[in-house]
N, C-alpha and C. Protein backbone atom coordinates (compact mmCIF):
# COMPACT_ATOMS: atom_id res chain seq x y z
N UNK A 1 0.85 -1.16 0.00
CA UNK A 1 0.00 0.00 0.00
C UNK A 1 0.90 1.23 0.00
N UNK A 2 0.55 2.19 -0.81
CA UNK A 2 1.38 3.37 -0.90
C UNK A 2 1.07 4.32 0.25
N UNK A 3 2.00 5.22 0.48
CA UNK A 3 1.85 6.21 1.54
C UNK A 3 0.65 7.11 1.27
N UNK A 4 0.41 7.46 0.02
CA UNK A 4 -0.70 8.34 -0.33
C UNK A 4 -2.05 7.69 0.00
N UNK A 5 -2.16 6.38 -0.26
CA UNK A 5 -3.42 5.68 0.03
C UNK A 5 -3.64 5.61 1.53
N UNK A 6 -2.59 5.31 2.31
CA UNK A 6 -2.72 5.25 3.77
C UNK A 6 -3.11 6.61 4.34
N UNK A 7 -2.52 7.66 3.80
CA UNK A 7 -2.85 9.01 4.26
C UNK A 7 -4.33 9.32 4.01
N UNK A 8 -4.86 8.94 2.82
CA UNK A 8 -6.27 9.16 2.51
C UNK A 8 -7.18 8.36 3.45
N UNK A 9 -6.79 7.13 3.77
CA UNK A 9 -7.58 6.30 4.67
C UNK A 9 -7.62 6.91 6.06
N UNK A 10 -6.50 7.44 6.55
CA UNK A 10 -6.47 8.07 7.87
C UNK A 10 -7.34 9.32 7.91
N UNK A 11 -7.26 10.10 6.83
CA UNK A 11 -8.11 11.31 6.77
C UNK A 11 -9.58 10.93 6.76
N UNK A 12 -9.94 9.90 5.99
CA UNK A 12 -11.34 9.46 5.92
C UNK A 12 -11.82 8.96 7.27
N UNK A 13 -10.97 8.28 8.01
CA UNK A 13 -11.34 7.78 9.33
C UNK A 13 -11.49 8.90 10.34
N UNK A 14 -10.70 9.95 10.20
CA UNK A 14 -10.74 11.06 11.15
C UNK A 14 -11.89 12.03 10.87
N UNK A 15 -12.44 12.02 9.67
CA UNK A 15 -13.47 12.99 9.28
C UNK A 15 -14.72 12.93 10.18
N UNK A 16 -15.31 11.76 10.47
CA UNK A 16 -16.48 11.75 11.37
C UNK A 16 -16.16 12.30 12.76
N UNK A 17 -15.00 11.97 13.29
CA UNK A 17 -14.60 12.49 14.59
C UNK A 17 -14.51 14.01 14.55
N UNK A 18 -13.88 14.54 13.50
CA UNK A 18 -13.72 15.99 13.37
C UNK A 18 -15.08 16.68 13.24
N UNK A 19 -15.99 16.09 12.47
CA UNK A 19 -17.33 16.68 12.31
C UNK A 19 -18.07 16.71 13.65
N UNK A 20 -17.98 15.62 14.40
CA UNK A 20 -18.61 15.57 15.72
C UNK A 20 -18.02 16.59 16.67
N UNK A 21 -16.71 16.72 16.65
CA UNK A 21 -16.03 17.70 17.50
C UNK A 21 -16.48 19.12 17.17
N UNK A 22 -16.56 19.44 15.90
CA UNK A 22 -17.00 20.78 15.47
C UNK A 22 -18.43 21.03 15.92
N UNK A 23 -19.31 20.03 15.81
CA UNK A 23 -20.69 20.19 16.24
C UNK A 23 -20.78 20.47 17.73
N UNK A 24 -20.00 19.75 18.54
CA UNK A 24 -20.01 19.97 19.99
C UNK A 24 -19.52 21.37 20.33
N UNK A 25 -18.45 21.81 19.68
CA UNK A 25 -17.92 23.16 19.92
C UNK A 25 -18.94 24.22 19.51
N UNK A 26 -19.61 24.02 18.38
CA UNK A 26 -20.61 24.99 17.92
C UNK A 26 -21.77 25.08 18.89
N UNK A 27 -22.25 23.93 19.39
CA UNK A 27 -23.35 23.95 20.36
C UNK A 27 -22.94 24.64 21.64
N UNK A 28 -21.73 24.41 22.09
CA UNK A 28 -21.27 25.07 23.32
C UNK A 28 -21.14 26.57 23.11
N UNK A 29 -20.63 26.97 21.97
CA UNK A 29 -20.43 28.39 21.70
C UNK A 29 -21.76 29.12 21.52
N UNK A 30 -22.75 28.45 20.95
CA UNK A 30 -24.05 29.07 20.71
C UNK A 30 -25.01 28.78 21.84
N UNK A 31 -24.54 28.21 22.89
CA UNK A 31 -25.35 27.75 24.01
C UNK A 31 -26.27 28.79 24.57
N UNK A 32 -26.52 28.71 25.81
CA UNK A 32 -27.52 29.51 26.48
C UNK A 32 -27.15 30.98 26.55
N UNK A 33 -28.17 31.81 26.43
CA UNK A 33 -27.93 33.23 26.63
C UNK A 33 -28.13 33.54 28.12
N UNK A 34 -28.06 34.80 28.47
CA UNK A 34 -28.10 35.19 29.88
C UNK A 34 -29.42 34.86 30.56
N UNK A 35 -30.50 34.68 29.78
CA UNK A 35 -31.79 34.40 30.39
C UNK A 35 -32.21 32.95 30.24
N UNK A 36 -31.31 32.07 29.81
CA UNK A 36 -31.64 30.66 29.74
C UNK A 36 -31.28 29.99 31.05
N UNK A 37 -32.22 29.26 31.63
CA UNK A 37 -31.92 28.63 32.90
C UNK A 37 -30.98 27.45 32.73
N UNK A 38 -30.20 27.18 33.73
CA UNK A 38 -29.41 25.97 33.74
C UNK A 38 -30.14 24.98 34.61
N UNK A 39 -30.39 23.83 34.06
CA UNK A 39 -31.13 22.78 34.74
C UNK A 39 -32.48 23.30 35.23
N UNK A 40 -32.67 23.38 36.52
CA UNK A 40 -33.99 23.73 37.07
C UNK A 40 -33.96 25.06 37.83
N UNK A 41 -33.10 25.97 37.42
CA UNK A 41 -32.92 27.21 38.18
C UNK A 41 -34.17 28.10 38.25
N UNK A 42 -35.09 27.94 37.30
CA UNK A 42 -36.31 28.77 37.31
C UNK A 42 -37.55 27.99 37.74
N UNK A 43 -37.38 26.72 38.07
CA UNK A 43 -38.51 25.92 38.52
C UNK A 43 -39.02 26.44 39.87
N UNK A 44 -40.33 26.40 40.04
CA UNK A 44 -40.89 26.79 41.33
C UNK A 44 -42.07 27.71 41.18
N UNK A 45 -42.35 28.42 42.27
CA UNK A 45 -43.52 29.31 42.34
C UNK A 45 -43.30 30.59 41.55
N UNK A 46 -44.27 30.94 40.73
CA UNK A 46 -44.34 32.21 40.00
C UNK A 46 -45.69 32.81 40.33
N UNK A 47 -45.71 34.09 40.66
CA UNK A 47 -46.96 34.73 41.07
C UNK A 47 -47.23 35.97 40.25
N UNK A 48 -48.51 36.34 40.25
CA UNK A 48 -48.93 37.54 39.51
C UNK A 48 -50.09 38.19 40.25
N UNK A 49 -50.17 39.50 40.09
CA UNK A 49 -51.34 40.25 40.57
C UNK A 49 -51.50 41.41 39.61
N UNK A 50 -52.51 41.29 38.77
CA UNK A 50 -52.71 42.29 37.73
C UNK A 50 -54.17 42.30 37.31
N UNK A 51 -54.70 43.46 37.02
CA UNK A 51 -56.10 43.61 36.60
C UNK A 51 -57.06 42.92 37.55
N UNK A 52 -56.77 42.97 38.84
CA UNK A 52 -57.67 42.39 39.83
C UNK A 52 -57.61 40.88 39.93
N UNK A 53 -56.59 40.26 39.36
CA UNK A 53 -56.44 38.81 39.44
C UNK A 53 -55.12 38.48 40.11
N UNK A 54 -55.16 37.60 41.10
CA UNK A 54 -53.94 37.08 41.71
C UNK A 54 -53.81 35.63 41.26
N UNK A 55 -52.59 35.22 40.96
CA UNK A 55 -52.36 33.85 40.52
C UNK A 55 -51.03 33.35 41.06
N UNK A 56 -50.99 32.04 41.31
CA UNK A 56 -49.75 31.39 41.70
C UNK A 56 -49.64 30.12 40.86
N UNK A 57 -48.52 30.01 40.13
CA UNK A 57 -48.26 28.86 39.28
C UNK A 57 -46.97 28.20 39.71
N UNK A 58 -46.94 26.90 39.72
CA UNK A 58 -45.71 26.16 39.96
C UNK A 58 -45.20 25.75 38.58
N UNK A 59 -44.15 26.43 38.09
CA UNK A 59 -43.68 26.23 36.72
C UNK A 59 -42.43 25.35 36.66
N UNK A 60 -42.34 24.58 35.59
CA UNK A 60 -41.17 23.78 35.27
C UNK A 60 -40.61 24.29 33.95
N UNK A 61 -39.31 24.56 33.92
CA UNK A 61 -38.65 25.15 32.75
C UNK A 61 -37.70 24.15 32.11
N UNK A 62 -37.66 24.18 30.78
CA UNK A 62 -36.62 23.51 30.02
C UNK A 62 -36.07 24.54 29.04
N UNK A 63 -35.10 24.17 28.28
CA UNK A 63 -34.53 25.13 27.32
C UNK A 63 -35.53 25.55 26.24
N UNK A 64 -36.56 24.70 25.98
CA UNK A 64 -37.49 25.04 24.91
C UNK A 64 -38.96 25.08 25.33
N UNK A 65 -39.25 24.94 26.64
CA UNK A 65 -40.65 25.01 27.06
C UNK A 65 -40.77 25.43 28.52
N UNK A 66 -41.98 25.82 28.86
CA UNK A 66 -42.37 26.17 30.23
C UNK A 66 -43.76 25.59 30.42
N UNK A 67 -44.00 24.92 31.55
CA UNK A 67 -45.35 24.43 31.82
C UNK A 67 -45.57 24.30 33.32
N UNK A 68 -46.83 24.34 33.69
CA UNK A 68 -47.14 24.20 35.10
C UNK A 68 -48.62 24.43 35.37
N UNK A 69 -48.94 24.40 36.65
CA UNK A 69 -50.33 24.57 37.07
C UNK A 69 -50.37 25.31 38.39
N UNK A 70 -51.54 25.85 38.69
CA UNK A 70 -51.69 26.57 39.94
C UNK A 70 -53.11 27.01 40.16
N UNK A 71 -53.25 28.11 40.88
CA UNK A 71 -54.57 28.63 41.22
C UNK A 71 -54.64 30.12 40.90
N UNK A 72 -55.87 30.62 40.79
CA UNK A 72 -56.10 32.04 40.57
C UNK A 72 -57.25 32.49 41.46
N UNK A 73 -57.29 33.81 41.68
CA UNK A 73 -58.39 34.41 42.43
C UNK A 73 -58.68 35.76 41.78
N UNK A 74 -59.87 35.90 41.22
CA UNK A 74 -60.30 37.19 40.65
C UNK A 74 -60.72 38.07 41.83
N UNK A 75 -59.79 38.85 42.33
CA UNK A 75 -59.97 39.63 43.56
C UNK A 75 -61.14 40.60 43.47
N UNK A 76 -61.21 41.31 42.36
CA UNK A 76 -62.32 42.24 42.19
C UNK A 76 -63.54 41.52 41.65
N UNK A 77 -63.52 40.18 41.73
CA UNK A 77 -64.59 39.27 41.37
C UNK A 77 -64.81 39.10 39.89
N UNK A 78 -64.06 39.83 39.03
CA UNK A 78 -64.20 39.58 37.60
C UNK A 78 -63.02 40.19 36.83
N UNK A 79 -62.65 39.54 35.77
CA UNK A 79 -61.64 40.06 34.84
C UNK A 79 -62.23 39.90 33.45
N UNK A 80 -62.32 40.98 32.72
CA UNK A 80 -62.76 40.92 31.33
C UNK A 80 -61.59 41.33 30.47
N UNK A 81 -61.12 40.43 29.65
CA UNK A 81 -59.95 40.72 28.81
C UNK A 81 -60.14 40.03 27.47
N UNK A 82 -60.48 40.81 26.47
CA UNK A 82 -60.60 40.27 25.13
C UNK A 82 -61.69 39.24 24.96
N UNK A 83 -62.82 39.48 25.56
CA UNK A 83 -63.94 38.57 25.39
C UNK A 83 -64.02 37.49 26.44
N UNK A 84 -62.93 37.24 27.16
CA UNK A 84 -62.96 36.24 28.23
C UNK A 84 -63.32 36.88 29.54
N UNK A 85 -64.07 36.18 30.33
CA UNK A 85 -64.43 36.68 31.65
C UNK A 85 -64.00 35.67 32.70
N UNK A 86 -63.30 36.15 33.68
CA UNK A 86 -62.80 35.30 34.75
C UNK A 86 -63.46 35.75 36.03
N UNK A 87 -64.10 34.81 36.72
CA UNK A 87 -64.86 35.13 37.93
C UNK A 87 -64.43 34.20 39.05
N UNK A 88 -64.38 34.73 40.27
CA UNK A 88 -64.13 33.89 41.44
C UNK A 88 -62.72 33.35 41.52
N UNK A 89 -62.60 32.08 41.94
CA UNK A 89 -61.29 31.47 42.06
C UNK A 89 -61.34 30.06 41.50
N UNK A 90 -60.15 29.54 41.17
CA UNK A 90 -60.11 28.20 40.61
C UNK A 90 -58.71 27.81 40.20
N UNK A 91 -58.62 26.87 39.27
CA UNK A 91 -57.31 26.37 38.84
C UNK A 91 -56.97 26.88 37.45
N UNK A 92 -55.65 26.91 37.18
CA UNK A 92 -55.13 27.38 35.91
C UNK A 92 -53.93 26.52 35.53
N UNK A 93 -53.78 26.27 34.24
CA UNK A 93 -52.58 25.59 33.73
C UNK A 93 -51.90 26.51 32.73
N UNK A 94 -50.61 26.32 32.57
CA UNK A 94 -49.81 27.13 31.65
C UNK A 94 -48.93 26.19 30.85
N UNK A 95 -48.92 26.38 29.54
CA UNK A 95 -48.07 25.60 28.66
C UNK A 95 -47.57 26.53 27.57
N UNK A 96 -46.24 26.62 27.43
CA UNK A 96 -45.67 27.55 26.46
C UNK A 96 -44.38 27.00 25.88
N UNK A 97 -44.08 27.46 24.69
CA UNK A 97 -42.79 27.21 24.08
C UNK A 97 -41.89 28.38 24.43
N UNK A 98 -40.58 28.14 24.43
CA UNK A 98 -39.67 29.26 24.66
C UNK A 98 -38.49 29.14 23.73
N UNK A 99 -38.02 30.30 23.37
CA UNK A 99 -36.82 30.41 22.55
C UNK A 99 -36.00 31.54 23.15
N UNK A 100 -34.90 31.19 23.79
CA UNK A 100 -34.12 32.21 24.50
C UNK A 100 -34.97 32.80 25.60
N UNK A 101 -35.20 34.10 25.55
CA UNK A 101 -35.98 34.76 26.58
C UNK A 101 -37.46 34.92 26.21
N UNK A 102 -37.85 34.51 25.00
CA UNK A 102 -39.24 34.64 24.55
C UNK A 102 -40.07 33.44 24.99
N UNK A 103 -41.27 33.74 25.52
CA UNK A 103 -42.20 32.71 25.99
C UNK A 103 -43.52 32.95 25.26
N UNK A 104 -44.10 31.88 24.69
CA UNK A 104 -45.35 32.03 23.96
C UNK A 104 -46.19 30.75 24.10
N UNK A 105 -47.39 30.91 24.64
CA UNK A 105 -48.25 29.75 24.82
C UNK A 105 -49.65 30.15 25.24
N UNK A 106 -50.24 29.34 26.15
CA UNK A 106 -51.60 29.57 26.60
C UNK A 106 -51.73 29.33 28.09
N UNK A 107 -52.56 30.14 28.73
CA UNK A 107 -53.02 29.86 30.09
C UNK A 107 -54.45 29.36 29.93
N UNK A 108 -54.74 28.26 30.59
CA UNK A 108 -56.08 27.68 30.49
C UNK A 108 -56.70 27.67 31.88
N UNK A 109 -57.80 28.42 32.01
CA UNK A 109 -58.49 28.54 33.28
C UNK A 109 -59.61 27.49 33.35
N UNK A 110 -59.99 27.11 34.56
CA UNK A 110 -60.96 26.04 34.75
C UNK A 110 -62.35 26.37 34.22
N UNK A 111 -62.62 27.63 33.90
CA UNK A 111 -63.91 27.98 33.32
C UNK A 111 -63.91 27.84 31.79
N UNK A 112 -62.77 27.38 31.22
CA UNK A 112 -62.69 27.18 29.78
C UNK A 112 -61.98 28.29 29.03
N UNK A 113 -61.78 29.42 29.66
CA UNK A 113 -61.08 30.52 29.01
C UNK A 113 -59.62 30.14 28.85
N UNK A 114 -59.10 30.26 27.62
CA UNK A 114 -57.73 29.87 27.34
C UNK A 114 -57.05 30.91 26.45
N UNK A 115 -56.70 32.07 27.04
CA UNK A 115 -56.12 33.13 26.22
C UNK A 115 -54.66 32.84 25.84
N UNK A 116 -54.25 33.28 24.65
CA UNK A 116 -52.83 33.21 24.32
C UNK A 116 -52.05 34.10 25.28
N UNK A 117 -50.85 33.68 25.63
CA UNK A 117 -50.00 34.44 26.54
C UNK A 117 -48.61 34.51 25.93
N UNK A 118 -48.07 35.72 25.82
CA UNK A 118 -46.69 35.89 25.33
C UNK A 118 -45.95 36.82 26.27
N UNK A 119 -44.65 36.61 26.36
CA UNK A 119 -43.86 37.46 27.23
C UNK A 119 -42.37 37.26 27.00
N UNK A 120 -41.61 38.02 27.77
CA UNK A 120 -40.16 37.97 27.72
C UNK A 120 -39.63 37.75 29.12
N UNK A 121 -38.78 36.73 29.27
CA UNK A 121 -38.13 36.47 30.54
C UNK A 121 -37.05 37.53 30.74
N UNK A 122 -37.14 38.25 31.86
CA UNK A 122 -36.19 39.32 32.15
C UNK A 122 -35.47 39.04 33.46
N UNK A 123 -34.15 39.09 33.43
CA UNK A 123 -33.31 38.94 34.63
C UNK A 123 -33.57 37.65 35.40
N UNK A 124 -34.06 36.61 34.71
CA UNK A 124 -34.39 35.35 35.38
C UNK A 124 -35.27 35.56 36.61
N UNK A 125 -36.05 36.65 36.61
CA UNK A 125 -36.85 36.99 37.78
C UNK A 125 -38.30 37.31 37.46
N UNK A 126 -38.60 37.59 36.20
CA UNK A 126 -39.98 37.94 35.87
C UNK A 126 -40.24 37.69 34.38
N UNK A 127 -41.48 37.39 34.08
CA UNK A 127 -41.92 37.31 32.69
C UNK A 127 -42.76 38.55 32.44
N UNK A 128 -42.25 39.44 31.63
CA UNK A 128 -42.98 40.64 31.25
C UNK A 128 -43.94 40.21 30.15
N UNK A 129 -45.15 39.78 30.55
CA UNK A 129 -46.06 39.16 29.60
C UNK A 129 -47.45 39.73 29.61
N UNK A 130 -48.27 39.20 28.70
CA UNK A 130 -49.64 39.68 28.56
C UNK A 130 -50.50 38.62 27.90
N UNK A 131 -51.80 38.66 28.25
CA UNK A 131 -52.78 37.89 27.52
C UNK A 131 -53.01 38.62 26.20
N UNK A 132 -53.17 37.89 25.13
CA UNK A 132 -53.40 38.49 23.81
C UNK A 132 -54.83 38.26 23.38
N UNK A 133 -55.38 39.24 22.67
CA UNK A 133 -56.76 39.14 22.21
C UNK A 133 -56.92 39.90 20.90
N UNK A 134 -57.66 39.30 19.99
CA UNK A 134 -57.98 39.99 18.74
C UNK A 134 -58.88 41.18 19.04
N UNK A 135 -59.82 41.00 19.98
CA UNK A 135 -60.82 42.02 20.30
C UNK A 135 -60.23 43.20 21.07
N UNK A 136 -59.43 42.92 22.09
CA UNK A 136 -59.02 43.98 23.01
C UNK A 136 -57.52 44.24 23.05
N UNK A 137 -56.77 43.68 22.13
CA UNK A 137 -55.32 43.88 22.18
C UNK A 137 -54.71 43.01 23.25
N UNK A 138 -53.93 43.61 24.13
CA UNK A 138 -53.28 42.81 25.18
C UNK A 138 -53.67 43.31 26.56
N UNK A 139 -53.64 42.39 27.51
CA UNK A 139 -53.87 42.71 28.92
C UNK A 139 -52.61 42.27 29.67
N UNK A 140 -51.88 43.21 30.18
CA UNK A 140 -50.63 42.92 30.88
C UNK A 140 -50.85 41.95 32.03
N UNK A 141 -49.98 40.94 32.11
CA UNK A 141 -50.05 39.95 33.20
C UNK A 141 -48.63 39.47 33.47
N UNK A 142 -47.94 40.21 34.30
CA UNK A 142 -46.54 39.92 34.61
C UNK A 142 -46.44 38.84 35.67
N UNK A 143 -45.60 37.84 35.41
CA UNK A 143 -45.34 36.78 36.39
C UNK A 143 -43.99 37.03 37.05
N UNK A 144 -43.96 36.94 38.37
CA UNK A 144 -42.75 37.19 39.17
C UNK A 144 -42.29 35.87 39.79
N UNK A 145 -40.98 35.61 39.68
CA UNK A 145 -40.42 34.39 40.28
C UNK A 145 -40.46 34.52 41.78
N UNK A 146 -41.12 33.57 42.45
CA UNK A 146 -41.26 33.61 43.91
C UNK A 146 -42.65 34.09 44.29
N UNK A 147 -42.85 34.19 45.57
CA UNK A 147 -44.15 34.62 46.07
C UNK A 147 -44.14 36.12 46.32
N UNK A 148 -45.21 36.79 45.89
CA UNK A 148 -45.36 38.22 46.13
C UNK A 148 -46.56 38.43 47.03
N UNK A 149 -46.51 39.46 47.87
CA UNK A 149 -47.65 39.71 48.76
C UNK A 149 -48.87 40.22 48.02
């Protein structure tokens, strides 16, 4: 076997390893931004009090999703936002996709109201978000990491 053939065989054998190495380096370099949680750093209680509604959700975060469940209380006894009406107290679920600091999904209340919810994770401490509606635009509903009075 000539030296040239052996050299080509070694290069061919090393090519998959090199491609894998480059992929790992690229993923590490493009990894998480400042608002991406590591492991379960954002898991836990998230609370809100806006437009006369108080809510507490226990959220679980991954790099590409957020989901959880909790309770709500319409303090002023009603919330009207984009055609949906929320009365009294009950349970709520949240399911959203995330890309970096952007969160987009739905909150589903036990009365059947399921408004779209979009927001931005800021400082790993709050979601500056809102319910979205074709009829009424948006209704701000900020979620804060931890319990708020």
